[in-house]
Protein backbone atom coordinates (compact mmCIF):
# COMPACT_ATOMS: atom_id res chain seq x y z
CA MET A 1 11.81 -138.95 229.78
CA GLU A 2 15.60 -139.23 229.84
CA ALA A 3 18.00 -138.69 226.95
CA VAL A 4 21.79 -138.93 226.78
CA VAL A 5 23.84 -135.93 225.67
CA GLN A 6 26.34 -137.09 223.03
CA LYS A 7 29.24 -135.52 221.15
CA TRP A 8 28.32 -134.39 217.63
CA GLY A 9 31.33 -132.84 215.88
CA ASN A 10 32.42 -129.91 218.07
CA SER A 11 28.96 -129.66 219.63
CA LEU A 12 26.72 -131.77 221.82
CA GLY A 13 23.42 -133.24 220.73
CA ILE A 14 20.36 -134.98 222.11
CA ARG A 15 18.26 -137.45 220.14
CA ILE A 16 14.55 -136.76 220.27
CA PRO A 17 12.55 -140.00 220.63
CA ASN A 18 10.33 -140.94 217.69
CA MET A 19 7.21 -140.71 219.87
CA LEU A 20 7.88 -136.99 220.46
CA THR A 21 8.82 -136.27 216.84
CA LYS A 22 5.42 -137.58 215.78
CA GLU A 23 3.57 -135.73 218.54
CA PHE A 24 5.21 -132.40 217.64
CA GLU A 25 5.33 -133.08 213.88
CA LEU A 26 9.13 -132.75 213.73
CA GLU A 27 11.10 -134.08 210.82
CA HIS A 28 14.71 -134.00 209.67
CA GLY A 29 15.70 -130.37 209.14
CA ALA A 30 12.90 -128.94 211.32
CA THR A 31 13.70 -125.70 213.15
CA VAL A 32 13.36 -125.39 216.92
CA ASP A 33 13.84 -122.47 219.28
CA ILE A 34 16.21 -123.16 222.21
CA ILE A 35 15.23 -121.25 225.35
CA ASN A 36 17.08 -120.91 228.66
CA SER A 37 14.35 -120.52 231.28
CA ASP A 38 15.51 -120.37 234.90
CA GLY A 39 18.22 -122.98 234.36
CA GLN A 40 16.04 -125.23 232.18
CA ILE A 41 16.55 -125.92 228.49
CA ILE A 42 13.30 -125.69 226.55
CA LEU A 43 12.98 -126.72 222.90
CA ARG A 44 10.05 -125.17 221.08
CA PRO A 45 9.16 -126.22 217.52
CA LEU A 46 8.96 -123.30 215.07
CA LYS A 47 6.09 -124.26 212.80
CA ASN A 48 6.03 -120.87 211.04
CA LYS A 49 9.42 -121.51 209.43
CA LYS A 50 8.81 -122.81 205.93
CA LYS A 51 11.39 -124.87 204.16
CA LEU A 52 13.32 -123.30 201.30
CA LEU A 53 11.68 -125.47 198.65
CA GLU A 54 8.22 -124.50 199.91
CA LYS A 55 9.17 -120.83 199.68
CA LEU A 56 10.71 -121.22 196.23
CA SER A 57 7.60 -123.00 194.94
CA LYS A 58 5.60 -119.80 195.60
CA ILE A 59 7.71 -117.76 193.13
CA THR A 60 5.88 -117.07 189.89
CA SER A 61 6.54 -114.90 186.85
CA LYS A 62 4.03 -112.41 188.31
CA ASN A 63 5.64 -111.97 191.75
CA ILE A 64 9.37 -112.28 191.00
CA HIS A 65 11.31 -109.02 191.15
CA ALA A 66 13.54 -107.83 188.36
CA GLU A 67 17.31 -107.89 188.53
CA PHE A 68 18.75 -104.84 190.29
CA ASP A 69 22.16 -103.17 190.42
CA THR A 70 23.92 -102.91 193.77
CA GLY A 71 26.53 -100.45 192.48
CA GLU A 72 30.23 -100.66 191.80
CA LYS A 73 32.29 -103.35 193.49
CA THR A 74 34.16 -102.11 196.54
CA GLY A 75 36.49 -104.99 197.30
CA LYS A 76 37.59 -108.23 195.70
CA GLU A 77 34.15 -109.32 194.47
CA PHE A 78 34.18 -111.46 191.35
CA TRP A 79 31.46 -110.81 188.75
């Protein structure tokens, strides 16, 4: 399957055909691993990466940690 490399801001991008997004269960914002293997570019979906909202939904009053002090400011931090 061919795809055209296109300019995307200061980077280059490739559109993944809808058929492949369905097959690999990719959606907008999905994370992939980019691998250079003997001169070939391999994209591997990272299914173990949970989205932020999924992670945040697991926080409960029983598992949230208390506020902690990181010490005195050392630069131009604003508190």
